[in-house]
């Protein structure tokens, strides 16, 4: 009798494991084949909200919004900056092809 009960228990467990594996495989395959929705062209070519241009030569960019912050480098007329924020008369942004998170005095920018 014990052998029969054990056999039934094993068949039940085998069936349960097989069913679970089948469900997991089915769920995994549907996730694996689901393709993300294509991005629209406007998302792929999204321009920054505001671009500022340096209007003089030898303009310092700094590590913070004020002359008490260290000068990290200099830029010249025509250099573009993606605007990220402003504190007082200082604009923070990312220089095109250069450092990010730099600060430039607003008088030296055309935004």
PDB file of N, CA and C in Angstrom:
ATOM      1  N   UNK A   1       0.811  -1.178   0.000  1.00  0.00           N
ATOM      2  CA  UNK A   1       0.000   0.000   0.000  1.00  0.00           C
ATOM      3  C   UNK A   1       0.865   1.256   0.000  1.00  0.00           C
ATOM      4  N   UNK A   2       1.903   1.203   0.741  1.00  0.00           N
ATOM      5  CA  UNK A   2       2.781   2.338   0.832  1.00  0.00           C
ATOM      6  C   UNK A   2       3.405   2.642  -0.532  1.00  0.00           C
ATOM      7  N   UNK A   3       3.729   1.638  -1.289  1.00  0.00           N
ATOM      8  CA  UNK A   3       4.318   1.792  -2.601  1.00  0.00           C
ATOM      9  C   UNK A   3       3.345   2.462  -3.566  1.00  0.00           C
ATOM     10  N   UNK A   4       2.061   2.135  -3.494  1.00  0.00           N
ATOM     11  CA  UNK A   4       1.045   2.730  -4.354  1.00  0.00           C
ATOM     12  C   UNK A   4       0.868   4.199  -4.023  1.00  0.00           C
ATOM     13  N   UNK A   5       0.817   4.536  -2.758  1.00  0.00           N
ATOM     14  CA  UNK A   5       0.674   5.933  -2.342  1.00  0.00           C
ATOM     15  C   UNK A   5       1.881   6.745  -2.787  1.00  0.00           C
ATOM     16  N   UNK A   6       3.044   6.133  -2.659  1.00  0.00           N
ATOM     17  CA  UNK A   6       4.258   6.814  -3.065  1.00  0.00           C
ATOM     18  C   UNK A   6       4.257   7.041  -4.581  1.00  0.00           C
ATOM     19  N   UNK A   7       3.812   6.079  -5.346  1.00  0.00           N
ATOM     20  CA  UNK A   7       3.759   6.208  -6.799  1.00  0.00           C
ATOM     21  C   UNK A   7       2.798   7.309  -7.209  1.00  0.00           C
ATOM     22  N   UNK A   8       1.624   7.358  -6.580  1.00  0.00           N
ATOM     23  CA  UNK A   8       0.650   8.409  -6.899  1.00  0.00           C
ATOM     24  C   UNK A   8       1.212   9.787  -6.543  1.00  0.00           C
ATOM     25  N   UNK A   9       1.859   9.893  -5.421  1.00  0.00           N
ATOM     26  CA  UNK A   9       2.445  11.155  -4.990  1.00  0.00           C
ATOM     27  C   UNK A   9       3.511  11.606  -5.994  1.00  0.00           C
ATOM     28  N   UNK A  10       4.341  10.660  -6.436  1.00  0.00           N
ATOM     29  CA  UNK A  10       5.383  10.995  -7.404  1.00  0.00           C
ATOM     30  C   UNK A  10       4.772  11.443  -8.737  1.00  0.00           C
ATOM     31  N   UNK A  11       3.716  10.752  -9.198  1.00  0.00           N
ATOM     32  CA  UNK A  11       3.062  11.145 -10.457  1.00  0.00           C
ATOM     33  C   UNK A  11       2.444  12.534 -10.327  1.00  0.00           C
ATOM     34  N   UNK A  12       1.827  12.805  -9.172  1.00  0.00           N
ATOM     35  CA  UNK A  12       1.211  14.117  -8.948  1.00  0.00           C
ATOM     36  C   UNK A  12       2.274  15.214  -8.942  1.00  0.00           C
ATOM     37  N   UNK A  13       3.384  14.966  -8.255  1.00  0.00           N
ATOM     38  CA  UNK A  13       4.464  15.947  -8.209  1.00  0.00           C
ATOM     39  C   UNK A  13       5.074  16.149  -9.589  1.00  0.00           C
ATOM     40  N   UNK A  14       5.270  15.081 -10.335  1.00  0.00           N
ATOM     41  CA  UNK A  14       5.830  15.184 -11.679  1.00  0.00           C
ATOM     42  C   UNK A  14       4.913  15.991 -12.576  1.00  0.00           C
ATOM     43  N   UNK A  15       3.613  15.746 -12.482  1.00  0.00           N
ATOM     44  CA  UNK A  15       2.647  16.490 -13.290  1.00  0.00           C
ATOM     45  C   UNK A  15       2.654  17.963 -12.907  1.00  0.00           C
ATOM     46  N   UNK A  16       2.739  18.251 -11.616  1.00  0.00           N
ATOM     47  CA  UNK A  16       2.743  19.637 -11.154  1.00  0.00           C
ATOM     48  C   UNK A  16       3.998  20.367 -11.625  1.00  0.00           C
ATOM     49  N   UNK A  17       5.140  19.698 -11.533  1.00  0.00           N
ATOM     50  CA  UNK A  17       6.393  20.312 -11.972  1.00  0.00           C
ATOM     51  C   UNK A  17       6.358  20.538 -13.479  1.00  0.00           C
ATOM     52  N   UNK A  18       5.877  19.586 -14.225  1.00  0.00           N
ATOM     53  CA  UNK A  18       5.790  19.721 -15.675  1.00  0.00           C
ATOM     54  C   UNK A  18       4.880  20.884 -16.055  1.00  0.00           C
ATOM     55  N   UNK A  19       3.732  20.987 -15.376  1.00  0.00           N
ATOM     56  CA  UNK A  19       2.809  22.082 -15.664  1.00  0.00           C
ATOM     57  C   UNK A  19       3.444  23.434 -15.331  1.00  0.00           C
ATOM     58  N   UNK A  20       4.149  23.502 -14.217  1.00  0.00           N
ATOM     59  CA  UNK A  20       4.791  24.756 -13.812  1.00  0.00           C
ATOM     60  C   UNK A  20       5.873  25.152 -14.806  1.00  0.00           C
ATOM     61  N   UNK A  21       6.687  24.193 -15.227  1.00  0.00           N
ATOM     62  CA  UNK A  21       7.732  24.477 -16.203  1.00  0.00           C
ATOM     63  C   UNK A  21       7.116  24.941 -17.512  1.00  0.00           C
ATOM     64  N   UNK A  22       6.013  24.319 -17.916  1.00  0.00           N
ATOM     65  CA  UNK A  22       5.333  24.724 -19.146  1.00  0.00           C
ATOM     66  C   UNK A  22       4.822  26.154 -19.067  1.00  0.00           C
ATOM     67  N   UNK A  23       4.251  26.512 -17.932  1.00  0.00           N
ATOM     68  CA  UNK A  23       3.744  27.885 -17.751  1.00  0.00           C
ATOM     69  C   UNK A  23       4.897  28.876 -17.755  1.00  0.00           C
ATOM     70  N   UNK A  24       5.984  28.540 -17.055  1.00  0.00           N
ATOM     71  CA  UNK A  24       7.130  29.445 -17.029  1.00  0.00           C
ATOM     72  C   UNK A  24       7.750  29.593 -18.410  1.00  0.00           C
ATOM     73  N   UNK A  25       7.832  28.502 -19.154  1.00  0.00           N
ATOM     74  CA  UNK A  25       8.384  28.585 -20.508  1.00  0.00           C
ATOM     75  C   UNK A  25       7.503  29.444 -21.393  1.00  0.00           C
ATOM     76  N   UNK A  26       6.195  29.276 -21.256  1.00  0.00           N
ATOM     77  CA  UNK A  26       5.261  30.073 -22.053  1.00  0.00           C
ATOM     78  C   UNK A  26       5.387  31.543 -21.694  1.00  0.00           C
ATOM     79  N   UNK A  27       5.449  31.852 -20.404  1.00  0.00           N
ATOM     80  CA  UNK A  27       5.580  33.251 -19.980  1.00  0.00           C
ATOM     81  C   UNK A  27       6.903  33.824 -20.439  1.00  0.00           C
ATOM     82  N   UNK A  28       7.969  33.048 -20.322  1.00  0.00           N
ATOM     83  CA  UNK A  28       9.284  33.515 -20.746  1.00  0.00           C
ATOM     84  C   UNK A  28       9.338  33.770 -22.231  1.00  0.00           C
ATOM     85  N   UNK A  29       8.704  32.902 -23.013  1.00  0.00           N
ATOM     86  CA  UNK A  29       8.759  33.095 -24.456  1.00  0.00           C
ATOM     87  C   UNK A  29       7.962  34.306 -24.890  1.00  0.00           C
ATOM     88  N   UNK A  30       6.855  34.587 -24.214  1.00  0.00           N
ATOM     89  CA  UNK A  30       6.079  35.767 -24.610  1.00  0.00           C
ATOM     90  C   UNK A  30       6.815  37.044 -24.233  1.00  0.00           C
ATOM     91  N   UNK A  31       7.544  37.016 -23.137  1.00  0.00           N
ATOM     92  CA  UNK A  31       8.310  38.188 -22.746  1.00  0.00           C
ATOM     93  C   UNK A  31       9.496  38.366 -23.689  1.00  0.00           C
ATOM     94  N   UNK A  32      10.135  37.250 -24.035  1.00  0.00           N
ATOM     95  CA  UNK A  32      11.320  37.333 -24.875  1.00  0.00           C
ATOM     96  C   UNK A  32      10.992  37.808 -26.285  1.00  0.00           C
ATOM     97  N   UNK A  33       9.799  37.476 -26.789  1.00  0.00           N
ATOM     98  CA  UNK A  33       9.478  37.858 -28.157  1.00  0.00           C
ATOM     99  C   UNK A  33       8.763  39.192 -28.249  1.00  0.00           C
ATOM    100  N   UNK A  34       8.370  39.758 -27.117  1.00  0.00           N
ATOM    101  CA  UNK A  34       7.671  41.042 -27.161  1.00  0.00           C
ATOM    102  C   UNK A  34       8.664  42.130 -27.527  1.00  0.00           C
ATOM    103  N   UNK A  35       8.387  42.839 -28.574  1.00  0.00           N
ATOM    104  CA  UNK A  35       9.273  43.921 -29.022  1.00  0.00           C
ATOM    105  C   UNK A  35       8.771  45.250 -28.474  1.00  0.00           C
ATOM    106  N   UNK A  36       9.666  46.120 -28.040  1.00  0.00           N
ATOM    107  CA  UNK A  36       9.234  47.432 -27.565  1.00  0.00           C
ATOM    108  C   UNK A  36       8.661  48.243 -28.721  1.00  0.00           C
ATOM    109  N   UNK A  37       7.761  49.120 -28.372  1.00  0.00           N
ATOM    110  CA  UNK A  37       7.165  49.981 -29.392  1.00  0.00           C
ATOM    111  C   UNK A  37       8.250  50.882 -29.966  1.00  0.00           C
ATOM    112  N   UNK A  38       8.279  51.059 -31.272  1.00  0.00           N
ATOM    113  CA  UNK A  38       9.320  51.911 -31.866  1.00  0.00           C
ATOM    114  C   UNK A  38       9.163  53.357 -31.410  1.00  0.00           C
ATOM    115  N   UNK A  39      10.287  54.006 -31.177  1.00  0.00           N
ATOM    116  CA  UNK A  39      10.264  55.415 -30.772  1.00  0.00           C
ATOM    117  C   UNK A  39       9.896  56.274 -31.973  1.00  0.00           C
ATOM    118  N   UNK A  40       9.135  57.294 -31.706  1.00  0.00           N
ATOM    119  CA  UNK A  40       8.787  58.188 -32.801  1.00  0.00           C
ATOM    120  C   UNK A  40      10.016  58.991 -33.191  1.00  0.00           C
ATOM    121  N   UNK A  41      10.027  59.502 -34.375  1.00  0.00           N
ATOM    122  CA  UNK A  41      11.175  60.257 -34.880  1.00  0.00           C
ATOM    123  C   UNK A  41      11.459  61.473 -34.008  1.00  0.00           C
ATOM    124  N   UNK A  42      10.413  62.118 -33.486  1.00  0.00           N
ATOM    125  CA  UNK A  42      10.636  63.310 -32.663  1.00  0.00           C
ATOM    126  C   UNK A  42      11.343  62.960 -31.363  1.00  0.00           C
ATOM    127  N   UNK A  43      11.117  61.763 -30.824  1.00  0.00           N
ATOM    128  CA  UNK A  43      11.802  61.365 -29.604  1.00  0.00           C
ATOM    129  C   UNK A  43      13.270  61.066 -29.888  1.00  0.00           C
ATOM    130  N   UNK A  44      13.545  60.465 -31.021  1.00  0.00           N
ATOM    131  CA  UNK A  44      14.909  60.079 -31.347  1.00  0.00           C
ATOM    132  C   UNK A  44      15.795  61.288 -31.623  1.00  0.00           C
ATOM    133  N   UNK A  45      15.224  62.392 -32.058  1.00  0.00           N
ATOM    134  CA  UNK A  45      15.995  63.569 -32.436  1.00  0.00           C
ATOM    135  C   UNK A  45      15.649  64.745 -31.522  1.00  0.00           C
ATOM    136  N   UNK A  46      15.282  64.457 -30.302  1.00  0.00           N
ATOM    137  CA  UNK A  46      14.840  65.501 -29.382  1.00  0.00           C
ATOM    138  C   UNK A  46      15.972  66.478 -29.094  1.00  0.00           C
ATOM    139  N   UNK A  47      15.711  67.749 -29.285  1.00  0.00           N
ATOM    140  CA  UNK A  47      16.686  68.809 -29.017  1.00  0.00           C
ATOM    141  C   UNK A  47      16.527  69.272 -27.576  1.00  0.00           C
ATOM    142  N   UNK A  48      17.594  69.806 -26.997  1.00  0.00           N
ATOM    143  CA  UNK A  48      17.476  70.327 -25.640  1.00  0.00           C
ATOM    144  C   UNK A  48      16.474  71.480 -25.600  1.00  0.00           C
ATOM    145  N   UNK A  49      15.909  71.714 -24.439  1.00  0.00           N
ATOM    146  CA  UNK A  49      14.906  72.756 -24.283  1.00  0.00           C
ATOM    147  C   UNK A  49      15.482  74.136 -24.596  1.00  0.00           C
ATOM    148  N   UNK A  50      16.734  74.372 -24.220  1.00  0.00           N
ATOM    149  CA  UNK A  50      17.326  75.682 -24.448  1.00  0.00           C
ATOM    150  C   UNK A  50      18.830  75.529 -24.666  1.00  0.00           C
ATOM    151  N   UNK A  51      19.319  76.173 -25.705  1.00  0.00           N
ATOM    152  CA  UNK A  51      20.762  76.179 -25.992  1.00  0.00           C
ATOM    153  C   UNK A  51      21.245  77.618 -25.889  1.00  0.00           C
ATOM    154  N   UNK A  52      22.300  77.814 -25.141  1.00  0.00           N
ATOM    155  CA  UNK A  52      22.921  79.135 -25.013  1.00  0.00           C
ATOM    156  C   UNK A  52      24.231  79.126 -25.796  1.00  0.00           C
ATOM    157  N   UNK A  53      24.636  80.308 -26.281  1.00  0.00           N
ATOM    158  CA  UNK A  53      25.875  80.451 -27.036  1.00  0.00           C
ATOM    159  C   UNK A  53      26.752  81.493 -26.358  1.00  0.00           C
ATOM    160  N   UNK A  54      28.025  81.159 -26.189  1.00  0.00           N
ATOM    161  CA  UNK A  54      28.983  82.086 -25.576  1.00  0.00           C
ATOM    162  C   UNK A  54      29.200  83.245 -26.548  1.00  0.00           C
ATOM    163  N   UNK A  55      29.178  84.489 -26.024  1.00  0.00           N
ATOM    164  CA  UNK A  55      29.251  85.676 -26.877  1.00  0.00           C
ATOM    165  C   UNK A  55      30.576  86.449 -26.783  1.00  0.00           C
ATOM    166  N   UNK A  56      31.608  85.853 -26.174  1.00  0.00           N
ATOM    167  CA  UNK A  56      32.900  86.530 -26.051  1.00  0.00           C
ATOM    168  C   UNK A  56      34.002  85.468 -26.016  1.00  0.00           C
ATOM    169  N   UNK A  57      35.237  85.898 -26.132  1.00  0.00           N
ATOM    170  CA  UNK A  57      36.369  84.980 -26.087  1.00  0.00           C
ATOM    171  C   UNK A  57      36.991  84.954 -24.698  1.00  0.00           C
ATOM    172  N   UNK A  58      37.572  83.813 -24.326  1.00  0.00           N
ATOM    173  CA  UNK A  58      38.250  83.687 -23.039  1.00  0.00           C
ATOM    174  C   UNK A  58      37.314  83.715 -21.853  1.00  0.00           C
ATOM    175  N   UNK A  59      36.105  83.219 -22.013  1.00  0.00           N
ATOM    176  CA  UNK A  59      35.115  83.222 -20.926  1.00  0.00           C
ATOM    177  C   UNK A  59      35.374  82.029 -20.004  1.00  0.00           C
ATOM    178  N   UNK A  60      35.504  82.316 -18.704  1.00  0.00           N
ATOM    179  CA  UNK A  60      35.719  81.256 -17.714  1.00  0.00           C
ATOM    180  C   UNK A  60      34.444  80.464 -17.493  1.00  0.00           C
ATOM    181  N   UNK A  61      34.597  79.148 -17.343  1.00  0.00           N
ATOM    182  CA  UNK A  61      33.490  78.356 -16.806  1.00  0.00           C
ATOM    183  C   UNK A  61      33.972  77.775 -15.486  1.00  0.00           C
ATOM    184  N   UNK A  62      33.049  77.707 -14.538  1.00  0.00           N
ATOM    185  CA  UNK A  62      33.407  77.416 -13.151  1.00  0.00           C
ATOM    186  C   UNK A  62      32.683  76.185 -12.614  1.00  0.00           C
ATOM    187  N   UNK A  63      33.126  75.772 -11.441  1.00  0.00           N
ATOM    188  CA  UNK A  63      32.544  74.614 -10.769  1.00  0.00           C
ATOM    189  C   UNK A  63      31.313  74.938  -9.954  1.00  0.00           C
ATOM    190  N   UNK A  64      30.918  76.198  -9.899  1.00  0.00           N
ATOM    191  CA  UNK A  64      29.745  76.600  -9.131  1.00  0.00           C
ATOM    192  C   UNK A  64      29.307  77.993  -9.539  1.00  0.00           C
ATOM    193  N   UNK A  65      28.179  78.447  -9.009  1.00  0.00           N
ATOM    194  CA  UNK A  65      27.596  79.730  -9.406  1.00  0.00           C
ATOM    195  C   UNK A  65      28.174  80.938  -8.676  1.00  0.00           C
ATOM    196  N   UNK A  66      29.424  81.271  -8.955  1.00  0.00           N
ATOM    197  CA  UNK A  66      30.018  82.442  -8.320  1.00  0.00           C
ATOM    198  C   UNK A  66      31.517  82.465  -8.534  1.00  0.00           C
ATOM    199  N   UNK A  67      32.105  83.643  -8.326  1.00  0.00           N
ATOM    200  CA  UNK A  67      33.545  83.783  -8.535  1.00  0.00           C
ATOM    201  C   UNK A  67      34.362  83.073  -7.464  1.00  0.00           C
ATOM    202  N   UNK A  68      33.730  82.684  -6.378  1.00  0.00           N
ATOM    203  CA  UNK A  68      34.449  81.959  -5.325  1.00  0.00           C
ATOM    204  C   UNK A  68      34.683  80.486  -5.689  1.00  0.00           C
ATOM    205  N   UNK A  69      34.047  80.024  -6.769  1.00  0.00           N
ATOM    206  CA  UNK A  69      34.241  78.648  -7.230  1.00  0.00           C
ATOM    207  C   UNK A  69      35.412  78.593  -8.200  1.00  0.00           C
ATOM    208  N   UNK A  70      36.095  77.450  -8.260  1.00  0.00           N
ATOM    209  CA  UNK A  70      37.288  77.360  -9.118  1.00  0.00           C
ATOM    210  C   UNK A  70      36.957  77.452 -10.605  1.00  0.00           C
ATOM    211  N   UNK A  71      37.873  78.071 -11.352  1.00  0.00           N
ATOM    212  CA  UNK A  71      37.776  78.128 -12.812  1.00  0.00           C
ATOM    213  C   UNK A  71      38.198  76.755 -13.326  1.00  0.00           C
ATOM    214  N   UNK A  72      37.335  76.123 -14.102  1.00  0.00           N
ATOM    215  CA  UNK A  72      37.625  74.799 -14.646  1.00  0.00           C
ATOM    216  C   UNK A  72      38.217  74.878 -16.048  1.00  0.00           C
ATOM    217  N   UNK A  73      38.010  76.026 -16.708  1.00  0.00           N
ATOM    218  CA  UNK A  73      38.524  76.198 -18.060  1.00  0.00           C
ATOM    219  C   UNK A  73      37.955  77.447 -18.689  1.00  0.00           C
ATOM    220  N   UNK A  74      38.238  77.621 -19.975  1.00  0.00           N
ATOM    221  CA  UNK A  74      37.745  78.777 -20.712  1.00  0.00           C
ATOM    222  C   UNK A  74      37.141  78.320 -22.036  1.00  0.00           C
ATOM    223  N   UNK A  75      36.168  79.120 -22.509  1.00  0.00           N
ATOM    224  CA  UNK A  75      35.536  78.876 -23.808  1.00  0.00           C
ATOM    225  C   UNK A  75      35.538  80.172 -24.605  1.00  0.00           C
ATOM    226  N   UNK A  76      35.317  80.046 -25.906  1.00  0.00           N
ATOM    227  CA  UNK A  76      35.316  81.206 -26.798  1.00  0.00           C
ATOM    228  C   UNK A  76      33.962  81.404 -27.466  1.00  0.00           C
ATOM    229  N   UNK A  77      33.837  82.561 -28.097  1.00  0.00           N
ATOM    230  CA  UNK A  77      32.618  82.935 -28.809  1.00  0.00           C
ATOM    231  C   UNK A  77      32.183  81.786 -29.727  1.00  0.00           C
ATOM    232  N   UNK A  78      30.886  81.507 -29.694  1.00  0.00           N
ATOM    233  CA  UNK A  78      30.322  80.465 -30.549  1.00  0.00           C
ATOM    234  C   UNK A  78      30.162  79.119 -29.872  1.00  0.00           C
ATOM    235  N   UNK A  79      30.800  78.924 -28.722  1.00  0.00           N
ATOM    236  CA  UNK A  79      30.656  77.660 -27.990  1.00  0.00           C
ATOM    237  C   UNK A  79      29.216  77.529 -27.503  1.00  0.00           C
ATOM    238  N   UNK A  80      28.603  76.374 -27.702  1.00  0.00           N
ATOM    239  CA  UNK A  80      27.223  76.145 -27.264  1.00  0.00           C
ATOM    240  C   UNK A  80      27.182  75.412 -25.938  1.00  0.00           C
ATOM    241  N   UNK A  81      26.106  75.671 -25.207  1.00  0.00           N
ATOM    242  CA  UNK A  81      25.899  75.095 -23.892  1.00  0.00           C
ATOM    243  C   UNK A  81      24.432  74.689 -23.780  1.00  0.00           C
ATOM    244  N   UNK A  82      24.171  73.445 -23.410  1.00  0.00           N
ATOM    245  CA  UNK A  82      22.802  73.014 -23.129  1.00  0.00           C
ATOM    246  C   UNK A  82      22.428  73.515 -21.739  1.00  0.00           C
ATOM    247  N   UNK A  83      21.445  74.389 -21.683  1.00  0.00           N
ATOM    248  CA  UNK A  83      20.986  75.008 -20.430  1.00  0.00           C
ATOM    249  C   UNK A  83      20.361  73.953 -19.528  1.00  0.00           C
ATOM    250  N   UNK A  84      20.817  73.918 -18.248  1.00  0.00           N
ATOM    251  CA  UNK A  84      20.234  72.986 -17.274  1.00  0.00           C
ATOM    252  C   UNK A  84      19.628  73.692 -16.079  1.00  0.00           C
ATOM    253  N   UNK A  85      19.983  74.947 -15.864  1.00  0.00           N
ATOM    254  CA  UNK A  85      19.427  75.641 -14.712  1.00  0.00           C
ATOM    255  C   UNK A  85      20.116  76.970 -14.489  1.00  0.00           C
ATOM    256  N   UNK A  86      19.620  77.686 -13.483  1.00  0.00           N
ATOM    257  CA  UNK A  86      20.159  79.016 -13.216  1.00  0.00           C
ATOM    258  C   UNK A  86      20.072  79.306 -11.724  1.00  0.00           C
ATOM    259  N   UNK A  87      21.115  79.945 -11.212  1.00  0.00           N
ATOM    260  CA  UNK A  87      21.125  80.457  -9.839  1.00  0.00           C
ATOM    261  C   UNK A  87      21.603  81.890  -9.919  1.00  0.00           C
ATOM    262  N   UNK A  88      20.728  82.825  -9.602  1.00  0.00           N
ATOM    263  CA  UNK A  88      21.079  84.241  -9.712  1.00  0.00           C
ATOM    264  C   UNK A  88      21.436  84.581 -11.144  1.00  0.00           C
ATOM    265  N   UNK A  89      22.627  85.153 -11.340  1.00  0.00           N
ATOM    266  CA  UNK A  89      23.093  85.526 -12.679  1.00  0.00           C
ATOM    267  C   UNK A  89      24.021  84.468 -13.291  1.00  0.00           C
ATOM    268  N   UNK A  90      23.994  83.252 -12.775  1.00  0.00           N
ATOM    269  CA  UNK A  90      24.853  82.175 -13.260  1.00  0.00           C
ATOM    270  C   UNK A  90      24.009  81.073 -13.882  1.00  0.00           C
ATOM    271  N   UNK A  91      24.450  80.625 -15.061  1.00  0.00           N
ATOM    272  CA  UNK A  91      23.751  79.558 -15.779  1.00  0.00           C
ATOM    273  C   UNK A  91      24.583  78.285 -15.683  1.00  0.00           C
ATOM    274  N   UNK A  92      23.911  77.180 -15.369  1.00  0.00           N
ATOM    275  CA  UNK A  92      24.573  75.889 -15.326  1.00  0.00           C
ATOM    276  C   UNK A  92      24.161  75.087 -16.545  1.00  0.00           C
ATOM    277  N   UNK A  93      25.137  74.411 -17.161  1.00  0.00           N
ATOM    278  CA  UNK A  93      24.807  73.615 -18.336  1.00  0.00           C
ATOM    279  C   UNK A  93      25.937  72.705 -18.750  1.00  0.00           C
ATOM    280  N   UNK A  94      25.732  72.087 -19.908  1.00  0.00           N
ATOM    281  CA  UNK A  94      26.685  71.138 -20.463  1.00  0.00           C
ATOM    282  C   UNK A  94      27.275  71.714 -21.745  1.00  0.00           C
ATOM    283  N   UNK A  95      28.582  71.876 -21.763  1.00  0.00           N
ATOM    284  CA  UNK A  95      29.242  72.395 -22.963  1.00  0.00           C
ATOM    285  C   UNK A  95      29.228  71.329 -24.053  1.00  0.00           C
ATOM    286  N   UNK A  96      28.921  71.738 -25.275  1.00  0.00           N
ATOM    287  CA  UNK A  96      28.925  70.803 -26.399  1.00  0.00           C
ATOM    288  C   UNK A  96      30.351  70.326 -26.617  1.00  0.00           C
ATOM    289  N   UNK A  97      30.545  69.027 -26.567  1.00  0.00           N
ATOM    290  CA  UNK A  97      31.866  68.453 -26.789  1.00  0.00           C
ATOM    291  C   UNK A  97      32.825  68.685 -25.639  1.00  0.00           C
ATOM    292  N   UNK A  98      32.300  69.060 -24.479  1.00  0.00           N
ATOM    293  CA  UNK A  98      33.181  69.348 -23.349  1.00  0.00           C
ATOM    294  C   UNK A  98      32.567  68.947 -22.031  1.00  0.00           C
ATOM    295  N   UNK A  99      33.039  69.578 -20.965  1.00  0.00           N
ATOM    296  CA  UNK A  99      32.571  69.245 -19.624  1.00  0.00           C
ATOM    297  C   UNK A  99      31.074  69.512 -19.428  1.00  0.00           C
ATOM    298  N   UNK A 100      30.502  68.799 -18.494  1.00  0.00           N
ATOM    299  CA  UNK A 100      29.087  68.972 -18.154  1.00  0.00           C
ATOM    300  C   UNK A 100      28.958  69.551 -16.751  1.00  0.00           C
ATOM    301  N   UNK A 101      27.835  70.186 -16.492  1.00  0.00           N
ATOM    302  CA  UNK A 101      27.581  70.748 -15.171  1.00  0.00           C
ATOM    303  C   UNK A 101      28.459  71.940 -14.825  1.00  0.00           C
ATOM    304  N   UNK A 102      28.780  72.743 -15.829  1.00  0.00           N
ATOM    305  CA  UNK A 102      29.630  73.911 -15.593  1.00  0.00           C
ATOM    306  C   UNK A 102      28.765  75.163 -15.455  1.00  0.00           C
ATOM    307  N   UNK A 103      29.339  76.198 -14.868  1.00  0.00           N
ATOM    308  CA  UNK A 103      28.632  77.457 -14.619  1.00  0.00           C
ATOM    309  C   UNK A 103      29.304  78.590 -15.373  1.00  0.00           C
ATOM    310  N   UNK A 104      28.482  79.420 -16.042  1.00  0.00           N
ATOM    311  CA  UNK A 104      28.983  80.602 -16.771  1.00  0.00           C
ATOM    312  C   UNK A 104      28.099  81.790 -16.410  1.00  0.00           C
ATOM    313  N   UNK A 105      28.753  82.941 -16.221  1.00  0.00           N
ATOM    314  CA  UNK A 105      28.017  84.168 -15.909  1.00  0.00           C
ATOM    315  C   UNK A 105      27.124  84.530 -17.083  1.00  0.00           C
ATOM    316  N   UNK A 106      25.896  84.877 -16.809  1.00  0.00           N
ATOM    317  CA  UNK A 106      24.873  85.069 -17.842  1.00  0.00           C
ATOM    318  C   UNK A 106      25.201  86.166 -18.847  1.00  0.00           C
ATOM    319  N   UNK A 107      25.975  87.180 -18.454  1.00  0.00           N
ATOM    320  CA  UNK A 107      26.322  88.263 -19.373  1.00  0.00           C
ATOM    321  C   UNK A 107      27.148  87.763 -20.558  1.00  0.00           C
ATOM    322  N   UNK A 108      27.793  86.605 -20.415  1.00  0.00           N
ATOM    323  CA  UNK A 108      28.620  86.045 -21.482  1.00  0.00           C
ATOM    324  C   UNK A 108      27.871  85.013 -22.334  1.00  0.00           C
ATOM    325  N   UNK A 109      26.563  84.936 -22.132  1.00  0.00           N
ATOM    326  CA  UNK A 109      25.752  83.965 -22.868  1.00  0.00           C
ATOM    327  C   UNK A 109      24.600  84.631 -23.591  1.00  0.00           C
ATOM    328  N   UNK A 110      24.275  84.121 -24.763  1.00  0.00           N
ATOM    329  CA  UNK A 110      23.044  84.481 -25.463  1.00  0.00           C
ATOM    330  C   UNK A 110      22.152  83.241 -25.413  1.00  0.00           C
ATOM    331  N   UNK A 111      21.087  83.352 -24.628  1.00  0.00           N
ATOM    332  CA  UNK A 111      20.193  82.192 -24.462  1.00  0.00           C
ATOM    333  C   UNK A 111      18.850  82.465 -25.134  1.00  0.00           C
TER     334      UNK A 111
END
